[in-house]
N, C-alpha and C. Protein backbone atom coordinates (compact mmCIF):
# COMPACT_ATOMS: atom_id res chain seq x y z
N MET A 1 0.76 -1.11 0.16
CA MET A 1 -0.09 0.22 0.00
C MET A 1 0.47 1.08 0.20
N ASN A 2 0.37 2.46 0.58
CA ASN A 2 1.14 3.66 0.40
C ASN A 2 1.79 4.44 1.99
N GLY A 3 1.48 3.18 3.06
CA GLY A 3 2.30 3.87 3.68
C GLY A 3 1.87 4.49 5.22
N PHE A 4 0.37 4.94 4.32
CA PHE A 4 -0.61 5.88 5.37
C PHE A 4 -0.89 4.66 6.68
N ALA A 5 -1.00 5.32 7.84
CA ALA A 5 -1.01 4.45 8.77
C ALA A 5 -3.10 4.37 9.38
N TRP A 6 -3.32 3.48 8.75
CA TRP A 6 -5.25 3.65 8.68
C TRP A 6 -5.37 3.33 10.44
N GLY A 7 -4.77 2.42 10.92
CA GLY A 7 -5.02 1.92 11.96
C GLY A 7 -5.10 3.28 12.91
N ALA A 8 -3.99 4.16 12.99
CA ALA A 8 -3.95 5.07 13.51
C ALA A 8 -4.69 6.15 13.26
N PHE A 9 -4.70 6.43 12.39
CA PHE A 9 -6.08 7.11 11.56
C PHE A 9 -7.43 7.03 12.30
N ALA A 10 -7.71 5.46 12.62
CA ALA A 10 -9.17 5.26 12.76
C ALA A 10 -9.23 5.43 13.98
N ILE A 11 -8.09 5.38 14.70
CA ILE A 11 -8.15 5.59 16.56
C ILE A 11 -8.41 7.10 16.72
N GLY A 12 -7.61 7.22 16.08
CA GLY A 12 -7.45 9.67 16.33
C GLY A 12 -8.77 9.79 15.67
N LEU A 13 -9.29 9.49 14.79
CA LEU A 13 -10.93 9.52 14.60
C LEU A 13 -12.00 9.45 15.67
N GLY A 14 -11.85 7.71 16.14
CA GLY A 14 -12.81 7.52 17.30
C GLY A 14 -12.51 8.58 18.46
N TRP A 15 -11.31 8.90 19.02
CA TRP A 15 -11.09 9.98 20.15
C TRP A 15 -11.61 11.10 19.47
N ALA A 16 -11.45 12.00 18.49
CA ALA A 16 -11.94 13.28 18.55
C ALA A 16 -13.12 13.18 18.04
N ALA A 17 -13.95 12.14 17.83
CA ALA A 17 -15.49 11.68 18.03
C ALA A 17 -15.68 12.04 19.28
N ALA A 18 -15.16 11.49 20.19
CA ALA A 18 -15.44 10.95 21.45
C ALA A 18 -15.83 12.74 22.11
N ALA A 19 -14.39 12.99 22.05
CA ALA A 19 -14.44 14.33 22.41
C ALA A 19 -15.61 15.30 22.16
N ALA A 20 -15.64 15.91 20.62
CA ALA A 20 -16.81 16.26 20.09
C ALA A 20 -18.19 15.85 20.58
N LEU A 21 -18.66 14.31 20.67
CA LEU A 21 -19.44 14.23 21.76
C LEU A 21 -19.74 14.60 23.10
N ALA A 22 -18.39 14.67 23.86
CA ALA A 22 -18.32 15.07 25.19
C ALA A 22 -18.85 16.25 25.29
N VAL A 23 -18.52 17.28 24.50
CA VAL A 23 -18.37 19.00 24.27
C VAL A 23 -20.23 18.77 24.07
N MET A 24 -20.58 18.62 22.79
CA MET A 24 -21.99 18.44 22.94
C MET A 24 -23.00 18.27 24.17
N LEU A 25 -22.42 17.15 24.47
CA LEU A 25 -23.26 16.36 25.32
C LEU A 25 -23.20 17.00 26.42
N ALA A 26 -22.52 17.81 27.29
CA ALA A 26 -22.36 18.78 27.96
C ALA A 26 -22.89 20.23 28.14
N THR A 27 -22.91 20.70 26.90
CA THR A 27 -23.37 21.93 26.82
C THR A 27 -25.27 21.69 26.15
N PHE A 28 -25.40 20.15 25.96
CA PHE A 28 -26.70 19.91 25.75
C PHE A 28 -27.65 20.30 26.96
N ALA A 29 -26.77 19.36 28.17
CA ALA A 29 -26.73 19.17 29.58
C ALA A 29 -27.16 21.04 30.01
N VAL A 30 -26.14 21.68 29.68
CA VAL A 30 -26.22 22.90 30.39
C VAL A 30 -27.36 23.68 29.52
N ALA A 31 -27.66 23.42 28.21
CA ALA A 31 -29.09 24.39 27.82
C ALA A 31 -30.11 23.77 28.19
N VAL A 32 -30.34 22.06 28.42
CA VAL A 32 -31.62 21.91 29.35
C VAL A 32 -31.75 22.61 30.96
N ARG A 33 -30.93 22.93 31.60
CA ARG A 33 -30.96 22.61 32.72
C ARG A 33 -31.06 24.96 32.60
N LYS A 34 -30.39 25.33 31.90
CA LYS A 34 -30.46 26.86 32.33
C LYS A 34 -32.17 26.88 30.81
N GLY A 35 -32.70 26.18 30.20
CA GLY A 35 -33.94 26.16 29.66
C GLY A 35 -33.16 27.29 27.88
N MET A 36 -31.91 27.37 28.08
CA MET A 36 -31.73 28.39 26.83
C MET A 36 -30.77 27.46 25.96
N HIS A 37 -31.13 27.49 24.97
CA HIS A 37 -30.60 26.20 23.71
C HIS A 37 -29.59 27.01 22.72
N ARG A 38 -29.59 28.36 22.94
CA ARG A 38 -28.57 29.15 22.02
C ARG A 38 -27.25 29.13 22.71
N VAL A 39 -27.05 28.51 23.74
CA VAL A 39 -25.22 27.59 24.38
C VAL A 39 -25.00 26.88 23.20
N VAL A 40 -25.72 26.30 22.73
CA VAL A 40 -25.27 25.30 21.58
C VAL A 40 -24.29 25.87 20.98
N ASP A 41 -24.43 26.73 20.27
CA ASP A 41 -23.70 27.82 19.45
C ASP A 41 -22.35 27.58 19.91
N VAL A 42 -22.37 28.19 21.08
CA VAL A 42 -20.97 28.74 21.70
C VAL A 42 -20.25 27.61 21.54
N ALA A 43 -21.07 26.43 21.63
CA ALA A 43 -20.47 24.94 21.80
C ALA A 43 -19.39 24.78 20.43
N TRP A 44 -19.64 25.00 19.56
CA TRP A 44 -19.32 24.91 18.65
C TRP A 44 -17.41 24.80 18.25
N GLY A 45 -17.17 26.23 18.56
CA GLY A 45 -15.94 26.73 18.57
C GLY A 45 -15.02 25.62 19.66
N LEU A 46 -16.04 25.50 21.13
CA LEU A 46 -15.19 24.47 21.86
C LEU A 46 -14.96 23.14 21.69
N GLY A 47 -15.69 23.04 20.66
CA GLY A 47 -16.14 21.27 20.22
C GLY A 47 -14.73 21.10 19.10
N PHE A 48 -14.16 22.23 18.47
CA PHE A 48 -13.12 22.29 17.38
C PHE A 48 -11.90 22.90 18.28
N ALA A 49 -11.98 22.96 19.53
CA ALA A 49 -10.65 23.06 20.48
C ALA A 49 -10.53 21.77 21.10
N ALA A 50 -11.63 21.45 21.64
CA ALA A 50 -11.67 20.07 22.22
C ALA A 50 -11.18 18.65 21.34
N VAL A 51 -11.23 18.98 19.98
CA VAL A 51 -11.29 17.72 18.48
C VAL A 51 -9.23 18.08 18.48
N ALA A 52 -8.89 19.26 18.71
CA ALA A 52 -7.69 19.76 18.15
C ALA A 52 -6.43 19.08 19.50
N VAL A 53 -7.21 19.21 20.29
CA VAL A 53 -6.37 18.90 21.52
C VAL A 53 -6.24 17.89 21.52
N VAL A 54 -7.38 16.57 21.69
CA VAL A 54 -7.17 15.29 21.49
C VAL A 54 -6.23 14.51 20.31
N THR A 55 -6.39 15.13 19.43
CA THR A 55 -5.65 14.71 18.25
C THR A 55 -4.34 15.20 18.36
N CYS A 56 -4.23 16.00 18.69
CA CYS A 56 -2.53 16.60 18.93
C CYS A 56 -2.06 15.50 19.84
N VAL A 57 -2.75 15.52 20.89
CA VAL A 57 -2.20 14.61 22.43
C VAL A 57 -2.00 13.02 21.61
N GLY A 58 -3.03 12.35 20.63
CA GLY A 58 -2.88 11.35 20.50
C GLY A 58 -2.36 10.51 19.34
N ALA A 59 -1.78 11.76 18.62
CA ALA A 59 -0.63 11.55 17.01
C ALA A 59 0.59 11.78 18.13
N ALA A 60 0.92 12.80 19.05
CA ALA A 60 2.02 12.82 19.71
C ALA A 60 2.39 11.41 20.45
N ALA A 61 1.08 10.77 21.04
CA ALA A 61 1.08 9.82 22.03
C ALA A 61 1.63 7.98 20.49
N ALA A 62 1.31 8.73 19.41
CA ALA A 62 1.60 7.63 18.84
C ALA A 62 2.82 7.70 18.03
N GLY A 63 3.51 9.06 18.11
CA GLY A 63 4.76 8.89 17.42
C GLY A 63 4.88 9.41 16.24
N GLN A 64 2.98 10.21 15.60
CA GLN A 64 3.14 10.27 14.32
C GLN A 64 3.02 12.14 13.70
N GLY A 65 3.24 12.19 12.56
CA GLY A 65 4.26 13.95 12.57
C GLY A 65 4.64 14.75 13.04
N ASP A 66 5.24 15.78 12.42
CA ASP A 66 6.06 16.73 13.09
C ASP A 66 5.76 17.29 14.15
N PRO A 67 6.60 17.03 15.50
CA PRO A 67 6.17 17.61 16.35
C PRO A 67 6.03 19.23 16.80
N GLY A 68 6.68 20.19 15.74
CA GLY A 68 6.23 21.30 15.94
C GLY A 68 5.20 21.68 15.17
N ARG A 69 5.12 21.34 13.73
CA ARG A 69 4.29 21.29 12.82
C ARG A 69 2.73 20.97 13.55
N ARG A 70 2.66 20.20 14.48
CA ARG A 70 1.52 19.16 15.26
C ARG A 70 1.05 20.81 16.54
N THR A 71 1.95 20.60 16.77
CA THR A 71 1.63 21.62 18.28
C THR A 71 1.26 22.95 17.71
N LEU A 72 1.73 23.48 16.19
CA LEU A 72 1.26 24.96 15.75
C LEU A 72 -0.32 24.41 15.44
N VAL A 73 -0.38 23.67 14.48
CA VAL A 73 -1.55 23.42 14.12
C VAL A 73 -2.53 23.83 15.34
N ALA A 74 -2.28 22.92 16.40
CA ALA A 74 -3.02 22.68 17.39
C ALA A 74 -3.49 23.74 18.08
N ALA A 75 -2.47 24.71 18.22
CA ALA A 75 -2.25 25.67 18.90
C ALA A 75 -3.33 26.94 18.30
N LEU A 76 -2.96 27.05 17.05
CA LEU A 76 -4.11 27.76 15.92
C LEU A 76 -4.99 27.88 15.93
N THR A 77 -5.39 26.08 15.86
CA THR A 77 -6.68 25.84 16.00
C THR A 77 -7.68 25.78 17.26
N VAL A 78 -7.13 26.05 18.72
CA VAL A 78 -7.85 26.19 19.52
C VAL A 78 -7.80 27.53 19.49
N ALA A 79 -6.82 28.17 18.97
CA ALA A 79 -6.93 29.86 19.83
C ALA A 79 -8.02 30.25 18.91
N TRP A 80 -8.26 29.54 17.60
CA TRP A 80 -9.42 29.98 16.77
C TRP A 80 -11.19 29.59 17.34
N GLY A 81 -11.14 28.29 17.55
CA GLY A 81 -12.02 27.86 18.24
C GLY A 81 -12.55 28.79 19.52
N LEU A 82 -11.64 29.01 20.52
CA LEU A 82 -11.80 29.65 21.64
C LEU A 82 -11.99 31.40 21.06
N ARG A 83 -11.62 31.85 20.24
CA ARG A 83 -12.33 33.29 19.32
C ARG A 83 -13.74 32.77 19.17
N LEU A 84 -13.72 32.27 18.42
CA LEU A 84 -15.13 31.98 17.82
C LEU A 84 -15.76 31.62 18.73
N ALA A 85 -15.80 30.84 19.84
CA ALA A 85 -16.55 30.73 21.38
C ALA A 85 -16.95 31.89 21.81
N ALA A 86 -16.27 33.04 21.74
CA ALA A 86 -16.20 33.98 22.66
C ALA A 86 -16.86 35.11 21.62
N HIS A 87 -16.78 34.93 20.38
CA HIS A 87 -17.25 36.06 19.71
C HIS A 87 -18.92 35.45 19.52
N ILE A 88 -19.05 34.43 19.61
CA ILE A 88 -20.64 33.76 19.56
C ILE A 88 -21.00 34.12 20.84
N ALA A 89 -20.50 34.07 21.83
CA ALA A 89 -21.44 34.27 23.50
C ALA A 89 -21.27 35.74 23.51
N ARG A 90 -20.80 36.50 22.65
CA ARG A 90 -21.15 38.10 22.98
C ARG A 90 -22.15 38.70 22.68
N ARG A 91 -22.88 37.68 21.25
CA ARG A 91 -23.54 38.42 20.32
C ARG A 91 -24.92 38.10 20.88
């Protein structure tokens, strides 16, 4: 084949999906408790940040990718996700 690590990809995809699901379930619980479903919009940015952190940590644990590039991409994605969440929360 082409040397692509399909097993590591599938594991990372599972962890990323679990992180996104955890953020959305926590947000759903808060929305139901407060009776305000607009808080779900804020969670999308937080979900991106959570997925970035989980995939960065998972890739580091598996020894995949360049460490500097992996950290830079994760940091920029987290910064963007937090900025998005803050922007939507202020609206």
